[in-house]
Amino acid sequence: MAIDKEASRIWRGRIRDILNQQWNPIGACPADEYDAYVGAVAAMVRDNTTDEALMEHFEWAESVHMGFGRFDPERARTVIASIRALGTAP
């Protein structure tokens, strides 16, 4: 089955919106601030990764990659639920 590129682009755009609006650990940022995370998160969801693995990814991103040394698991749970609510990847 061929990938519907337009549907995939829209789906990834929705993940981008969720990261910008709900995750946003930095605060006021440009719209492209979290674009580097969209691909990894989309691939994880497309590959049916567990919520626990997504949680670990967000923890790594906040604590290690961004260097905050802290992590907000409740925010991550909300983000994961919103991403899951988008449905399966096209």
Protein backbone atom coordinates (compact mmCIF):
# COMPACT_ATOMS: atom_id res chain seq x y z
CA MET A 1 0.00 0.00 0.00
CA ALA A 2 1.40 3.38 -0.99
CA ILE A 3 1.81 6.14 1.53
CA ASP A 4 -0.52 9.08 1.06
CA LYS A 5 2.11 11.82 1.23
CA GLU A 6 -0.38 14.65 1.67
CA ALA A 7 -2.20 12.88 4.50
CA SER A 8 1.15 12.09 6.13
CA ARG A 9 2.21 15.74 5.86
CA ILE A 10 -1.03 16.85 7.52
CA TRP A 11 -0.70 14.23 10.28
CA ARG A 12 2.90 15.29 10.99
CA GLY A 13 1.75 18.93 11.02
CA ARG A 14 -0.76 18.05 13.72
CA ILE A 15 1.99 16.43 15.77
CA ARG A 16 4.01 19.64 15.30
CA ASP A 17 1.05 21.68 16.56
CA ILE A 18 0.70 19.46 19.63
CA LEU A 19 4.40 19.78 20.44
CA ASN A 20 4.23 23.57 20.05
CA GLN A 21 0.99 24.10 21.93
CA GLN A 22 0.93 21.40 24.61
CA TRP A 23 4.48 20.20 25.15
CA ASN A 24 6.54 23.40 24.71
CA PRO A 25 9.00 22.93 27.62
CA ILE A 26 10.96 26.04 26.62
CA GLY A 27 8.05 28.47 26.60
CA ALA A 28 7.56 31.25 24.06
CA CYS A 29 9.37 29.98 20.96
CA PRO A 30 9.25 30.26 17.19
CA ALA A 31 6.84 27.89 15.44
CA ASP A 32 9.69 25.71 14.19
CA GLU A 33 11.36 25.26 17.60
CA TYR A 34 10.41 21.61 18.03
CA ASP A 35 10.50 20.54 14.38
CA ALA A 36 13.56 18.39 15.08
CA TYR A 37 11.40 16.21 17.35
CA VAL A 38 8.45 15.74 14.99
CA GLY A 39 10.10 13.10 12.82
CA ALA A 40 11.20 10.93 15.72
CA VAL A 41 7.84 11.15 17.47
CA ALA A 42 5.95 10.45 14.23
CA ALA A 43 8.16 7.43 13.50
CA MET A 44 7.68 6.09 17.02
CA VAL A 45 3.89 6.40 16.75
CA ARG A 46 3.89 4.93 13.23
CA ASP A 47 5.92 1.97 14.57
CA ASN A 48 3.37 1.42 17.36
CA THR A 49 5.80 2.23 20.15
CA THR A 50 4.51 2.12 23.70
CA ASP A 51 3.44 5.15 25.67
CA GLU A 52 6.28 4.33 28.05
CA ALA A 53 8.81 4.61 25.22
CA LEU A 54 7.31 7.92 24.13
CA MET A 55 7.47 9.10 27.74
CA GLU A 56 11.16 8.17 27.87
CA HIS A 57 11.76 10.08 24.64
CA PHE A 58 10.14 13.23 26.02
CA GLU A 59 12.07 12.82 29.27
CA TRP A 60 15.34 12.52 27.34
CA ALA A 61 14.44 15.55 25.21
CA GLU A 62 13.69 17.78 28.20
CA SER A 63 16.24 16.54 30.72
CA VAL A 64 19.21 15.71 28.53
CA HIS A 65 18.92 17.13 25.01
CA MET A 66 17.56 20.51 26.09
CA GLY A 67 19.60 20.34 29.28
CA PHE A 68 16.83 21.27 31.70
CA GLY A 69 17.65 18.45 34.10
CA ARG A 70 13.95 18.26 34.91
CA PHE A 71 10.95 16.59 33.33
CA ASP A 72 7.20 17.14 33.54
CA PRO A 73 5.62 13.67 33.19
CA GLU A 74 2.07 14.99 33.46
CA ARG A 75 2.62 17.32 30.51
CA ALA A 76 4.14 14.41 28.55
CA ARG A 77 1.11 12.21 29.33
CA THR A 78 -1.19 14.92 27.99
CA VAL A 79 0.91 15.28 24.84
CA ILE A 80 0.99 11.52 24.26
CA ALA A 81 -2.79 11.28 24.70
CA SER A 82 -3.30 14.10 22.20
CA ILE A 83 -0.97 12.48 19.68
CA ARG A 84 -2.71 9.12 20.11
CA ALA A 85 -6.06 10.87 19.58
CA LEU A 86 -4.90 11.79 16.06
CA GLY A 87 -5.32 8.16 15.13
CA THR A 88 -3.04 5.93 13.16
CA ALA A 89 -0.49 7.35 10.81
CA PRO A 90 -1.55 7.53 7.17
